[in-house]
C-alpha atoms as a PDB file:
ATOM      1  CA  GLN A   1     -10.015  -7.918 -15.252  1.00  0.00           C
ATOM      2  CA  VAL A   2      -8.943  -5.967 -12.156  1.00  0.00           C
ATOM      3  CA  GLN A   3      -5.296  -5.408 -11.297  1.00  0.00           C
ATOM      4  CA  LEU A   4      -3.318  -3.547  -8.652  1.00  0.00           C
ATOM      5  CA  VAL A   5       0.205  -2.446  -9.560  1.00  0.00           C
ATOM      6  CA  GLU A   6       2.669  -0.901  -7.098  1.00  0.00           C
ATOM      7  CA  SER A   7       5.542   1.418  -7.957  1.00  0.00           C
ATOM      8  CA  GLY A   8       8.122   3.572  -6.211  1.00  0.00           C
ATOM      9  CA  GLY A   9      10.181   1.014  -4.314  1.00  0.00           C
ATOM     10  CA  ASP A  10      13.891   1.828  -4.106  1.00  0.00           C
ATOM     11  CA  LEU A  11      17.097   1.691  -2.084  1.00  0.00           C
ATOM     12  CA  VAL A  12      17.336   4.597   0.366  1.00  0.00           C
ATOM     13  CA  GLN A  13      19.524   5.657   3.276  1.00  0.00           C
ATOM     14  CA  ALA A  14      18.225   5.516   6.839  1.00  0.00           C
ATOM     15  CA  GLY A  15      16.431   8.752   7.648  1.00  0.00           C
ATOM     16  CA  GLY A  16      15.404   9.252   4.048  1.00  0.00           C
ATOM     17  CA  SER A  17      11.990   9.397   2.421  1.00  0.00           C
ATOM     18  CA  LEU A  18      10.183   7.447  -0.242  1.00  0.00           C
ATOM     19  CA  ARG A  19       6.729   7.527  -1.808  1.00  0.00           C
ATOM     20  CA  LEU A  20       4.969   4.370  -2.961  1.00  0.00           C
ATOM     21  CA  SER A  21       1.988   4.353  -5.303  1.00  0.00           C
ATOM     22  CA  CYS A  22      -0.546   1.729  -6.301  1.00  0.00           C
ATOM     23  CA  ALA A  23      -2.911   2.003  -9.247  1.00  0.00           C
ATOM     24  CA  ALA A  24      -6.048  -0.033  -9.873  1.00  0.00           C
ATOM     25  CA  SER A  25      -6.939  -0.821 -13.467  1.00  0.00           C
ATOM     26  CA  GLY A  26      -9.627  -2.770 -15.290  1.00  0.00           C
ATOM     27  CA  SER A  27     -13.405  -2.755 -15.042  1.00  0.00           C
ATOM     28  CA  PHE A  28     -14.890  -2.076 -11.613  1.00  0.00           C
ATOM     29  CA  PHE A  29     -17.578  -0.027  -9.881  1.00  0.00           C
ATOM     30  CA  ARG A  30     -16.104   1.002  -6.565  1.00  0.00           C
ATOM     31  CA  ILE A  31     -13.039   0.596  -4.389  1.00  0.00           C
ATOM     32  CA  ASP A  32     -13.693   0.402  -0.661  1.00  0.00           C
ATOM     33  CA  ALA A  33     -10.838   0.262   1.830  1.00  0.00           C
ATOM     34  CA  MET A  34      -7.298   0.329   0.433  1.00  0.00           C
ATOM     35  CA  ASN A  35      -4.365  -0.992   2.419  1.00  0.00           C
ATOM     36  CA  TRP A  36      -0.599  -1.247   2.456  1.00  0.00           C
ATOM     37  CA  TYR A  37       1.047  -4.401   3.791  1.00  0.00           C
ATOM     38  CA  ARG A  38       4.699  -5.339   4.009  1.00  0.00           C
ATOM     39  CA  GLN A  39       6.683  -8.524   4.402  1.00  0.00           C
ATOM     40  CA  ALA A  40      10.312  -8.787   5.455  1.00  0.00           C
ATOM     41  CA  PRO A  41      12.305 -11.904   4.425  1.00  0.00           C
ATOM     42  CA  THR A  42      11.999 -13.683   7.784  1.00  0.00           C
ATOM     43  CA  LYS A  43       8.677 -12.276   8.968  1.00  0.00           C
ATOM     44  CA  GLN A  44       5.010 -12.722   8.191  1.00  0.00           C
ATOM     45  CA  ARG A  45       3.082 -10.177   6.181  1.00  0.00           C
ATOM     46  CA  GLU A  46       1.810  -7.303   8.323  1.00  0.00           C
ATOM     47  CA  LEU A  47      -0.672  -4.486   7.834  1.00  0.00           C
ATOM     48  CA  VAL A  48       1.083  -1.116   7.681  1.00  0.00           C
ATOM     49  CA  ALA A  49      -1.709   1.349   6.910  1.00  0.00           C
ATOM     50  CA  THR A  50      -5.308   1.437   5.767  1.00  0.00           C
ATOM     51  CA  ILE A  51      -7.589   4.106   4.330  1.00  0.00           C
ATOM     52  CA  SER A  52     -11.371   3.790   4.080  1.00  0.00           C
ATOM     53  CA  GLY A  53     -13.577   4.865   1.220  1.00  0.00           C
ATOM     54  CA  GLY A  54     -14.319   7.980   3.261  1.00  0.00           C
ATOM     55  CA  SER A  55     -10.568   8.614   3.667  1.00  0.00           C
ATOM     56  CA  TYR A  56     -10.345   7.689   7.342  1.00  0.00           C
ATOM     57  CA  THR A  57      -6.894   6.307   8.100  1.00  0.00           C
ATOM     58  CA  SER A  58      -5.142   4.073  10.599  1.00  0.00           C
ATOM     59  CA  TYR A  59      -1.555   2.897  11.003  1.00  0.00           C
ATOM     60  CA  ALA A  60       0.544   0.238  12.630  1.00  0.00           C
ATOM     61  CA  ASP A  61       2.215   1.520  15.797  1.00  0.00           C
ATOM     62  CA  SER A  62       5.646   0.992  14.257  1.00  0.00           C
ATOM     63  CA  VAL A  63       5.019   3.581  11.519  1.00  0.00           C
ATOM     64  CA  LYS A  64       2.769   6.144  13.220  1.00  0.00           C
ATOM     65  CA  GLY A  65       4.079   9.663  12.751  1.00  0.00           C
ATOM     66  CA  ARG A  66       6.378   8.573   9.925  1.00  0.00           C
ATOM     67  CA  PHE A  67       4.081   7.173   7.215  1.00  0.00           C
ATOM     68  CA  THR A  68       1.038   8.774   5.604  1.00  0.00           C
ATOM     69  CA  ILE A  69      -1.505   6.945   3.458  1.00  0.00           C
ATOM     70  CA  SER A  70      -3.684   8.816   0.969  1.00  0.00           C
ATOM     71  CA  ARG A  71      -5.905   8.066  -2.008  1.00  0.00           C
ATOM     72  CA  ASP A  72      -6.974   9.756  -5.222  1.00  0.00           C
ATOM     73  CA  ASN A  73     -10.338   8.348  -6.243  1.00  0.00           C
ATOM     74  CA  ALA A  74     -10.294  10.137  -9.606  1.00  0.00           C
ATOM     75  CA  LYS A  75      -7.084   8.285 -10.504  1.00  0.00           C
ATOM     76  CA  ASN A  76      -7.947   5.068  -8.628  1.00  0.00           C
ATOM     77  CA  THR A  77      -4.673   5.209  -6.744  1.00  0.00           C
ATOM     78  CA  VAL A  78      -3.436   4.895  -3.187  1.00  0.00           C
ATOM     79  CA  SER A  79      -0.082   6.210  -1.995  1.00  0.00           C
ATOM     80  CA  LEU A  80       2.157   5.696   1.002  1.00  0.00           C
ATOM     81  CA  GLN A  81       4.474   8.569   1.895  1.00  0.00           C
ATOM     82  CA  MET A  82       7.289   7.229   4.058  1.00  0.00           C
ATOM     83  CA  SER A  83       9.701   9.443   5.979  1.00  0.00           C
ATOM     84  CA  SER A  84      12.375   8.932   8.638  1.00  0.00           C
ATOM     85  CA  LEU A  85      12.935   5.472   7.212  1.00  0.00           C
ATOM     86  CA  LYS A  86      14.666   2.846   9.324  1.00  0.00           C
ATOM     87  CA  PRO A  87      16.439  -0.384   8.334  1.00  0.00           C
ATOM     88  CA  GLU A  88      13.543  -2.220  10.005  1.00  0.00           C
ATOM     89  CA  ASP A  89      11.265  -0.831   7.281  1.00  0.00           C
ATOM     90  CA  THR A  90      13.052  -2.959   4.679  1.00  0.00           C
ATOM     91  CA  ALA A  91      10.458  -5.239   3.093  1.00  0.00           C
ATOM     92  CA  VAL A  92       8.374  -5.940   0.047  1.00  0.00           C
ATOM     93  CA  TYR A  93       5.391  -3.602   0.194  1.00  0.00           C
ATOM     94  CA  TYR A  94       2.027  -4.735  -1.178  1.00  0.00           C
ATOM     95  CA  CYS A  95      -1.151  -2.808  -1.851  1.00  0.00           C
ATOM     96  CA  ASN A  96      -4.481  -4.465  -1.168  1.00  0.00           C
ATOM     97  CA  ALA A  97      -8.083  -3.435  -1.757  1.00  0.00           C
ATOM     98  CA  ASP A  98     -11.710  -4.544  -1.662  1.00  0.00           C
ATOM     99  CA  ILE A  99     -13.172  -3.868  -5.095  1.00  0.00           C
ATOM    100  CA  TRP A 100     -16.728  -4.096  -6.427  1.00  0.00           C
ATOM    101  CA  SER A 101     -17.112  -5.365  -9.990  1.00  0.00           C
ATOM    102  CA  ARG A 102     -19.129  -7.823 -12.075  1.00  0.00           C
ATOM    103  CA  THR A 103     -17.545 -10.781 -10.311  1.00  0.00           C
ATOM    104  CA  VAL A 104     -19.468 -13.298  -8.201  1.00  0.00           C
ATOM    105  CA  PRO A 105     -19.527 -12.403  -5.390  1.00  0.00           C
ATOM    106  CA  PRO A 106     -19.537  -8.744  -6.461  1.00  0.00           C
ATOM    107  CA  VAL A 107     -16.868  -7.653  -3.990  1.00  0.00           C
ATOM    108  CA  ARG A 108     -13.428  -9.264  -3.940  1.00  0.00           C
ATOM    109  CA  ASN A 109     -10.098  -8.660  -2.260  1.00  0.00           C
ATOM    110  CA  TYR A 110      -7.133  -7.999  -4.572  1.00  0.00           C
ATOM    111  CA  TRP A 111      -3.357  -7.906  -4.105  1.00  0.00           C
ATOM    112  CA  GLY A 112      -0.604  -6.246  -6.083  1.00  0.00           C
ATOM    113  CA  GLN A 113       2.673  -8.032  -6.861  1.00  0.00           C
ATOM    114  CA  GLY A 114       4.703  -5.918  -4.452  1.00  0.00           C
ATOM    115  CA  THR A 115       7.542  -3.412  -4.650  1.00  0.00           C
ATOM    116  CA  GLN A 116      10.882  -3.712  -2.842  1.00  0.00           C
ATOM    117  CA  VAL A 117      11.916  -1.085  -0.300  1.00  0.00           C
ATOM    118  CA  THR A 118      15.440  -1.373   1.080  1.00  0.00           C
ATOM    119  CA  VAL A 119      16.715   0.981   3.797  1.00  0.00           C
ATOM    120  CA  SER A 120      20.461   0.958   4.418  1.00  0.00           C
ATOM    121  CA  SER A 121      22.114   2.084   7.650  1.00  0.00           C
END
C-alpha cells in the first residue's frame, strides 16, 4: 500500500555532482522524518542525512558541507543533492521514512529498494 522508490543513481567522476530523489506512493496520511542511508559493499548501512517534518536537517560528519537533503511535501518526495563526490561515497543509497497510514500500528518505518551511486577516481 505504501512504497518508497529511489531514482537518480549513476556513475560519476570524483568531484562531480549528483541528485537523488525518492518518491512515496500509495495511501497514507502523513510522512514524518525522511532519511537517506547508504551501504558500501563491505560496510554496514549508515545514516547519511535526515530531514524532519518541519524541515530541520542533520548530516553525517563525512558529508557535511557537500550533501543537502530537502523535501517537497506537495509531491511526497525527498531529495539528496550531492556535490564534491569522492570514491568513498560509492554505495547503494536508500531512502527511509516514518509514515502514518491505516496500518496497525498507524505509523510504520519504510525502506526503498536503493539506487547505486558509483564515484570513479
